[in-house]
Amino acid sequence: QAQLVESGGGLVQAGGSLRLSCAASERTFASGRTFSSHHMGWFRQAPGKEREFVAAISWTGGSTRYSDSVKGRFTISRDNVKNTVYLQMNSLIPGDTAVYYCAAKPPSRRWDSTDLREYDYWGQGTQVTVSS
């Protein structure tokens, strides 16, 4: 089973920045595929709310998509050599407070779908708290 490990969360004041990382273990995903062949996404879940889509990136890194709430403030990127996907978060607001999860899905699925049910692998999450 592939492992995704998020890091970089923490407490920050409104207007500040954080950079989240999500590292995949070297063991291969199912069917002999590797990190570099999977589309990646970031989701978040605030207390009492459903998990929601934040950003997605295609397996090549050439295409990205963002939710309207973070567009222009967050940037998703990936390094397929380091088996890592990043989420740069700028101009943070209290509404961004949540547990952030990275997820992976195989290339057979649309990279830009925001449906979390299409993602097969999930990390354990990292807490981001933005104070006003």
N, C-alpha and C. Protein backbone atom coordinates (compact mmCIF):
# COMPACT_ATOMS: atom_id res chain seq x y z
N GLN A 1 0.84 -1.18 0.00
CA GLN A 1 0.00 0.00 0.00
C GLN A 1 0.88 1.25 0.00
N ALA A 2 0.62 2.15 -0.96
CA ALA A 2 1.40 3.38 -1.00
C ALA A 2 1.14 4.21 0.24
N GLN A 3 2.14 4.96 0.65
CA GLN A 3 2.02 5.82 1.80
C GLN A 3 2.26 7.27 1.39
N LEU A 4 1.37 8.13 1.82
CA LEU A 4 1.51 9.57 1.61
C LEU A 4 1.62 10.24 2.96
N VAL A 5 2.65 11.06 3.14
CA VAL A 5 2.89 11.70 4.42
C VAL A 5 2.96 13.21 4.23
N GLU A 6 1.99 13.91 4.84
CA GLU A 6 1.96 15.37 4.76
C GLU A 6 2.80 15.97 5.88
N SER A 7 3.30 17.17 5.61
CA SER A 7 4.02 17.94 6.62
C SER A 7 3.92 19.41 6.26
N GLY A 8 4.32 20.26 7.21
CA GLY A 8 4.35 21.70 6.95
C GLY A 8 3.21 22.49 7.54
N GLY A 9 2.26 21.81 8.16
CA GLY A 9 1.17 22.53 8.77
C GLY A 9 1.62 23.26 10.03
N GLY A 10 0.71 24.08 10.57
CA GLY A 10 1.04 24.81 11.79
C GLY A 10 0.09 25.96 12.02
N LEU A 11 0.48 26.83 12.94
CA LEU A 11 -0.30 28.00 13.30
C LEU A 11 0.32 29.23 12.66
N VAL A 12 -0.49 30.03 11.98
CA VAL A 12 0.01 31.22 11.31
C VAL A 12 -1.03 32.32 11.43
N GLN A 13 -0.59 33.55 11.42
CA GLN A 13 -1.51 34.68 11.48
C GLN A 13 -2.12 34.94 10.09
N ALA A 14 -3.27 35.55 10.11
CA ALA A 14 -3.91 35.91 8.85
C ALA A 14 -2.95 36.78 8.02
N GLY A 15 -2.92 36.49 6.73
CA GLY A 15 -2.01 37.19 5.84
C GLY A 15 -0.69 36.48 5.64
N GLY A 16 -0.44 35.48 6.48
CA GLY A 16 0.82 34.75 6.40
C GLY A 16 0.80 33.64 5.37
N SER A 17 1.90 32.88 5.34
CA SER A 17 2.07 31.82 4.35
C SER A 17 2.53 30.53 5.00
N LEU A 18 2.19 29.43 4.36
CA LEU A 18 2.68 28.11 4.74
C LEU A 18 2.91 27.31 3.47
N ARG A 19 3.84 26.37 3.55
CA ARG A 19 4.07 25.47 2.43
C ARG A 19 3.90 24.04 2.92
N LEU A 20 2.90 23.36 2.41
CA LEU A 20 2.68 21.97 2.75
C LEU A 20 3.41 21.07 1.77
N SER A 21 3.89 19.95 2.30
CA SER A 21 4.53 18.94 1.47
C SER A 21 3.82 17.61 1.67
N CYS A 22 3.86 16.80 0.65
CA CYS A 22 3.29 15.45 0.73
C CYS A 22 4.25 14.52 0.02
N ALA A 23 4.89 13.66 0.79
CA ALA A 23 5.89 12.76 0.24
C ALA A 23 5.34 11.34 0.11
N ALA A 24 5.60 10.73 -1.03
CA ALA A 24 5.17 9.35 -1.26
C ALA A 24 6.33 8.41 -0.98
N SER A 25 6.00 7.29 -0.39
CA SER A 25 7.05 6.30 -0.12
C SER A 25 7.57 5.73 -1.43
N GLU A 26 8.76 5.13 -1.38
CA GLU A 26 9.38 4.62 -2.60
C GLU A 26 8.69 3.36 -3.11
N ARG A 27 7.95 2.70 -2.24
CA ARG A 27 7.26 1.50 -2.72
C ARG A 27 6.24 1.92 -3.76
N THR A 28 6.03 1.07 -4.71
CA THR A 28 5.15 1.41 -5.81
C THR A 28 3.68 1.35 -5.40
N PHE A 29 2.89 2.06 -6.14
CA PHE A 29 1.45 2.00 -6.01
C PHE A 29 0.97 0.70 -6.62
N ALA A 30 -0.31 0.49 -6.60
CA ALA A 30 -0.89 -0.73 -7.15
C ALA A 30 -0.58 -0.83 -8.64
N SER A 31 -0.59 -2.02 -9.15
CA SER A 31 -0.38 -2.30 -10.56
C SER A 31 0.99 -1.86 -11.07
N GLY A 32 1.97 -1.79 -10.18
CA GLY A 32 3.33 -1.45 -10.57
C GLY A 32 3.54 0.00 -10.93
N ARG A 33 2.56 0.85 -10.69
CA ARG A 33 2.72 2.26 -11.02
C ARG A 33 3.47 2.98 -9.91
N THR A 34 4.00 4.15 -10.24
CA THR A 34 4.76 4.94 -9.27
C THR A 34 4.12 6.29 -9.06
N PHE A 35 4.67 7.04 -8.13
CA PHE A 35 4.15 8.37 -7.82
C PHE A 35 4.02 9.22 -9.07
N SER A 36 5.04 9.20 -9.91
CA SER A 36 5.07 10.10 -11.06
C SER A 36 3.97 9.81 -12.07
N SER A 37 3.33 8.67 -11.98
CA SER A 37 2.26 8.34 -12.91
C SER A 37 0.87 8.61 -12.34
N HIS A 38 0.82 9.18 -11.14
CA HIS A 38 -0.47 9.46 -10.50
C HIS A 38 -0.78 10.95 -10.50
N HIS A 39 -2.05 11.26 -10.74
CA HIS A 39 -2.52 12.62 -10.52
C HIS A 39 -2.61 12.84 -9.01
N MET A 40 -2.35 14.06 -8.57
CA MET A 40 -2.35 14.35 -7.15
C MET A 40 -3.33 15.48 -6.82
N GLY A 41 -3.83 15.44 -5.60
CA GLY A 41 -4.75 16.50 -5.18
C GLY A 41 -4.56 16.86 -3.72
N TRP A 42 -5.02 18.02 -3.37
CA TRP A 42 -5.08 18.46 -1.97
C TRP A 42 -6.54 18.72 -1.63
N PHE A 43 -6.93 18.25 -0.45
CA PHE A 43 -8.27 18.48 0.09
C PHE A 43 -8.12 19.02 1.49
N ARG A 44 -9.20 19.56 2.05
CA ARG A 44 -9.16 20.02 3.42
C ARG A 44 -10.50 19.76 4.09
N GLN A 45 -10.45 19.65 5.41
CA GLN A 45 -11.67 19.40 6.18
C GLN A 45 -11.64 20.22 7.45
N ALA A 46 -12.58 21.13 7.55
CA ALA A 46 -12.73 21.95 8.75
C ALA A 46 -13.66 21.24 9.73
N PRO A 47 -13.58 21.55 11.01
CA PRO A 47 -14.44 20.90 12.00
C PRO A 47 -15.91 21.04 11.65
N GLY A 48 -16.63 19.92 11.66
CA GLY A 48 -18.05 19.95 11.39
C GLY A 48 -18.43 20.08 9.94
N LYS A 49 -17.44 20.09 9.06
CA LYS A 49 -17.72 20.25 7.63
C LYS A 49 -17.21 19.05 6.84
N GLU A 50 -17.71 18.90 5.63
CA GLU A 50 -17.26 17.82 4.77
C GLU A 50 -15.89 18.15 4.18
N ARG A 51 -15.18 17.09 3.79
CA ARG A 51 -13.90 17.28 3.15
C ARG A 51 -14.14 17.91 1.78
N GLU A 52 -13.34 18.93 1.46
CA GLU A 52 -13.56 19.65 0.21
C GLU A 52 -12.28 19.73 -0.62
N PHE A 53 -12.48 19.83 -1.92
CA PHE A 53 -11.38 19.94 -2.86
C PHE A 53 -10.69 21.29 -2.72
N VAL A 54 -9.36 21.26 -2.83
CA VAL A 54 -8.58 22.49 -2.79
C VAL A 54 -7.83 22.71 -4.11
N ALA A 55 -7.07 21.69 -4.53
CA ALA A 55 -6.25 21.84 -5.73
C ALA A 55 -5.90 20.46 -6.29
N ALA A 56 -5.63 20.43 -7.58
CA ALA A 56 -5.22 19.20 -8.24
C ALA A 56 -4.13 19.48 -9.26
N ILE A 57 -3.30 18.47 -9.51
CA ILE A 57 -2.24 18.60 -10.49
C ILE A 57 -2.12 17.30 -11.26
N SER A 58 -1.94 17.42 -12.57
CA SER A 58 -1.83 16.24 -13.40
C SER A 58 -0.51 15.52 -13.15
N TRP A 59 -0.40 14.30 -13.64
CA TRP A 59 0.79 13.50 -13.33
C TRP A 59 2.06 14.13 -13.89
N THR A 60 1.94 14.87 -14.99
CA THR A 60 3.12 15.53 -15.56
C THR A 60 3.46 16.82 -14.83
N GLY A 61 2.49 17.35 -14.11
CA GLY A 61 2.68 18.65 -13.48
C GLY A 61 2.34 19.80 -14.40
N GLY A 62 1.92 19.50 -15.60
CA GLY A 62 1.67 20.55 -16.58
C GLY A 62 0.32 21.22 -16.48
N SER A 63 -0.60 20.60 -15.71
CA SER A 63 -1.94 21.16 -15.58
C SER A 63 -2.34 21.20 -14.12
N THR A 64 -2.99 22.29 -13.74
CA THR A 64 -3.44 22.46 -12.37
C THR A 64 -4.86 23.02 -12.34
N ARG A 65 -5.51 22.77 -11.21
CA ARG A 65 -6.85 23.29 -11.01
C ARG A 65 -7.02 23.66 -9.54
N TYR A 66 -7.80 24.72 -9.27
CA TYR A 66 -8.00 25.19 -7.91
C TYR A 66 -9.48 25.43 -7.63
N SER A 67 -9.83 25.31 -6.37
CA SER A 67 -11.17 25.72 -5.97
C SER A 67 -11.24 27.24 -6.03
N ASP A 68 -12.42 27.76 -6.19
CA ASP A 68 -12.59 29.21 -6.28
C ASP A 68 -12.12 29.91 -5.00
N SER A 69 -12.24 29.24 -3.87
CA SER A 69 -11.91 29.86 -2.59
C SER A 69 -10.41 30.06 -2.40
N VAL A 70 -9.58 29.34 -3.15
CA VAL A 70 -8.13 29.47 -2.96
C VAL A 70 -7.41 29.97 -4.21
N LYS A 71 -8.13 30.09 -5.30
CA LYS A 71 -7.52 30.50 -6.55
C LYS A 71 -6.86 31.87 -6.39
N GLY A 72 -5.62 31.95 -6.87
CA GLY A 72 -4.88 33.20 -6.75
C GLY A 72 -4.07 33.32 -5.47
N ARG A 73 -4.33 32.44 -4.51
CA ARG A 73 -3.59 32.47 -3.24
C ARG A 73 -2.75 31.21 -3.02
N PHE A 74 -3.24 30.09 -3.51
CA PHE A 74 -2.54 28.81 -3.34
C PHE A 74 -1.93 28.36 -4.66
N THR A 75 -0.83 27.63 -4.56
CA THR A 75 -0.19 27.06 -5.75
C THR A 75 0.20 25.62 -5.48
N ILE A 76 -0.26 24.73 -6.34
CA ILE A 76 0.11 23.32 -6.23
C ILE A 76 1.24 23.04 -7.22
N SER A 77 2.19 22.22 -6.80
CA SER A 77 3.30 21.84 -7.67
C SER A 77 3.77 20.46 -7.27
N ARG A 78 4.62 19.86 -8.09
CA ARG A 78 5.12 18.53 -7.76
C ARG A 78 6.54 18.38 -8.27
N ASP A 79 7.26 17.49 -7.62
CA ASP A 79 8.61 17.13 -8.02
C ASP A 79 8.63 15.61 -8.14
N ASN A 80 8.59 15.13 -9.35
CA ASN A 80 8.51 13.68 -9.56
C ASN A 80 9.81 12.95 -9.29
N VAL A 81 10.88 13.69 -9.14
CA VAL A 81 12.15 13.06 -8.74
C VAL A 81 12.15 12.81 -7.24
N LYS A 82 11.61 13.76 -6.51
CA LYS A 82 11.53 13.63 -5.05
C LYS A 82 10.25 12.96 -4.58
N ASN A 83 9.38 12.58 -5.52
CA ASN A 83 8.11 11.94 -5.15
C ASN A 83 7.32 12.79 -4.16
N THR A 84 7.25 14.07 -4.43
CA THR A 84 6.62 15.00 -3.50
C THR A 84 5.72 15.98 -4.24
N VAL A 85 4.58 16.27 -3.62
CA VAL A 85 3.68 17.31 -4.11
C VAL A 85 3.61 18.39 -3.04
N TYR A 86 3.49 19.63 -3.48
CA TYR A 86 3.51 20.77 -2.57
C TYR A 86 2.23 21.59 -2.71
N LEU A 87 1.94 22.32 -1.64
CA LEU A 87 0.86 23.31 -1.69
C LEU A 87 1.39 24.57 -1.01
N GLN A 88 1.70 25.57 -1.82
CA GLN A 88 2.13 26.87 -1.30
C GLN A 88 0.88 27.69 -1.02
N MET A 89 0.73 28.12 0.22
CA MET A 89 -0.46 28.85 0.63
C MET A 89 -0.07 30.25 1.09
N ASN A 90 -0.53 31.24 0.38
CA ASN A 90 -0.25 32.63 0.69
C ASN A 90 -1.53 33.37 1.05
N SER A 91 -1.37 34.53 1.67
CA SER A 91 -2.52 35.37 2.05
C SER A 91 -3.57 34.55 2.78
N LEU A 92 -3.13 33.80 3.75
CA LEU A 92 -4.04 32.91 4.48
C LEU A 92 -5.07 33.70 5.28
N ILE A 93 -6.25 33.14 5.36
CA ILE A 93 -7.36 33.73 6.11
C ILE A 93 -7.88 32.70 7.10
N PRO A 94 -8.59 33.15 8.15
CA PRO A 94 -9.10 32.18 9.14
C PRO A 94 -9.95 31.08 8.51
N GLY A 95 -10.62 31.39 7.43
CA GLY A 95 -11.44 30.39 6.74
C GLY A 95 -10.65 29.26 6.13
N ASP A 96 -9.33 29.39 6.07
CA ASP A 96 -8.48 28.32 5.56
C ASP A 96 -8.14 27.29 6.64
N THR A 97 -8.53 27.57 7.87
CA THR A 97 -8.24 26.65 8.96
C THR A 97 -8.92 25.30 8.73
N ALA A 98 -8.12 24.24 8.73
CA ALA A 98 -8.63 22.90 8.45
C ALA A 98 -7.49 21.90 8.55
N VAL A 99 -7.84 20.63 8.50
CA VAL A 99 -6.84 19.59 8.29
C VAL A 99 -6.71 19.41 6.79
N TYR A 100 -5.48 19.45 6.30
CA TYR A 100 -5.21 19.35 4.87
C TYR A 100 -4.69 17.95 4.56
N TYR A 101 -5.26 17.36 3.51
CA TYR A 101 -4.91 16.01 3.10
C TYR A 101 -4.41 16.02 1.65
N CYS A 102 -3.39 15.23 1.38
CA CYS A 102 -3.03 15.00 -0.01
C CYS A 102 -3.58 13.63 -0.42
N ALA A 103 -3.78 13.48 -1.71
CA ALA A 103 -4.36 12.25 -2.23
C ALA A 103 -3.84 11.98 -3.63
N ALA A 104 -3.91 10.70 -4.02
CA ALA A 104 -3.41 10.30 -5.33
C ALA A 104 -4.43 9.42 -6.04
N LYS A 105 -4.49 9.56 -7.36
CA LYS A 105 -5.36 8.70 -8.15
C LYS A 105 -4.65 8.32 -9.44
N PRO A 106 -5.04 7.19 -10.00
CA PRO A 106 -4.35 6.69 -11.20
C PRO A 106 -4.64 7.55 -12.43
N PRO A 107 -3.78 7.48 -13.43
CA PRO A 107 -3.93 8.32 -14.62
C PRO A 107 -5.14 7.96 -15.48
N SER A 108 -5.78 6.82 -15.21
CA SER A 108 -6.97 6.45 -15.97
C SER A 108 -8.16 7.35 -15.65
N ARG A 109 -8.08 8.07 -14.56
CA ARG A 109 -9.17 8.97 -14.16
C ARG A 109 -8.82 10.40 -14.52
N ARG A 110 -9.84 11.20 -14.69
CA ARG A 110 -9.62 12.60 -15.05
C ARG A 110 -8.82 13.31 -13.98
N TRP A 111 -7.79 13.96 -14.36
CA TRP A 111 -6.93 14.62 -13.40
C TRP A 111 -7.64 15.78 -12.72
N ASP A 112 -8.59 16.42 -13.42
CA ASP A 112 -9.20 17.65 -12.91
C ASP A 112 -10.53 17.42 -12.20
N SER A 113 -10.90 16.16 -12.01
CA SER A 113 -12.13 15.91 -11.26
C SER A 113 -11.94 16.28 -9.80
N THR A 114 -12.93 16.91 -9.20
CA THR A 114 -12.82 17.33 -7.81
C THR A 114 -13.46 16.32 -6.86
N ASP A 115 -13.95 15.21 -7.39
CA ASP A 115 -14.62 14.20 -6.59
C ASP A 115 -13.61 13.41 -5.77
N LEU A 116 -13.69 13.50 -4.46
CA LEU A 116 -12.70 12.83 -3.62
C LEU A 116 -12.82 11.31 -3.71
N ARG A 117 -13.96 10.82 -4.16
CA ARG A 117 -14.14 9.36 -4.26
C ARG A 117 -13.27 8.75 -5.37
N GLU A 118 -12.73 9.57 -6.23
CA GLU A 118 -11.88 9.06 -7.30
C GLU A 118 -10.42 8.88 -6.86
N TYR A 119 -10.11 9.32 -5.67
CA TYR A 119 -8.75 9.21 -5.17
C TYR A 119 -8.61 7.92 -4.37
N ASP A 120 -7.59 7.15 -4.68
CA ASP A 120 -7.38 5.85 -4.05
C ASP A 120 -6.48 5.89 -2.82
N TYR A 121 -5.59 6.86 -2.76
CA TYR A 121 -4.60 6.92 -1.68
C TYR A 121 -4.68 8.26 -0.97
N TRP A 122 -4.59 8.20 0.36
CA TRP A 122 -4.71 9.40 1.18
C TRP A 122 -3.62 9.44 2.24
N GLY A 123 -3.20 10.66 2.57
CA GLY A 123 -2.31 10.85 3.69
C GLY A 123 -3.11 10.98 4.98
N GLN A 124 -2.40 11.15 6.09
CA GLN A 124 -3.04 11.22 7.39
C GLN A 124 -3.52 12.63 7.73
N GLY A 125 -3.06 13.61 6.97
CA GLY A 125 -3.50 14.97 7.18
C GLY A 125 -2.54 15.79 8.03
N THR A 126 -2.54 17.09 7.81
CA THR A 126 -1.74 18.02 8.61
C THR A 126 -2.61 19.23 8.94
N GLN A 127 -2.53 19.66 10.20
CA GLN A 127 -3.40 20.74 10.67
C GLN A 127 -2.85 22.10 10.27
N VAL A 128 -3.71 22.93 9.72
CA VAL A 128 -3.39 24.33 9.43
C VAL A 128 -4.37 25.20 10.20
N THR A 129 -3.84 26.08 11.02
CA THR A 129 -4.67 26.98 11.80
C THR A 129 -4.26 28.42 11.52
N VAL A 130 -5.22 29.22 11.10
CA VAL A 130 -4.95 30.62 10.78
C VAL A 130 -5.68 31.49 11.80
N SER A 131 -4.93 32.28 12.53
CA SER A 131 -5.51 33.14 13.55
C SER A 131 -5.77 34.53 12.98
N SER A 132 -6.81 35.17 13.51
CA SER A 132 -7.17 36.50 13.01
C SER A 132 -6.43 37.59 13.76
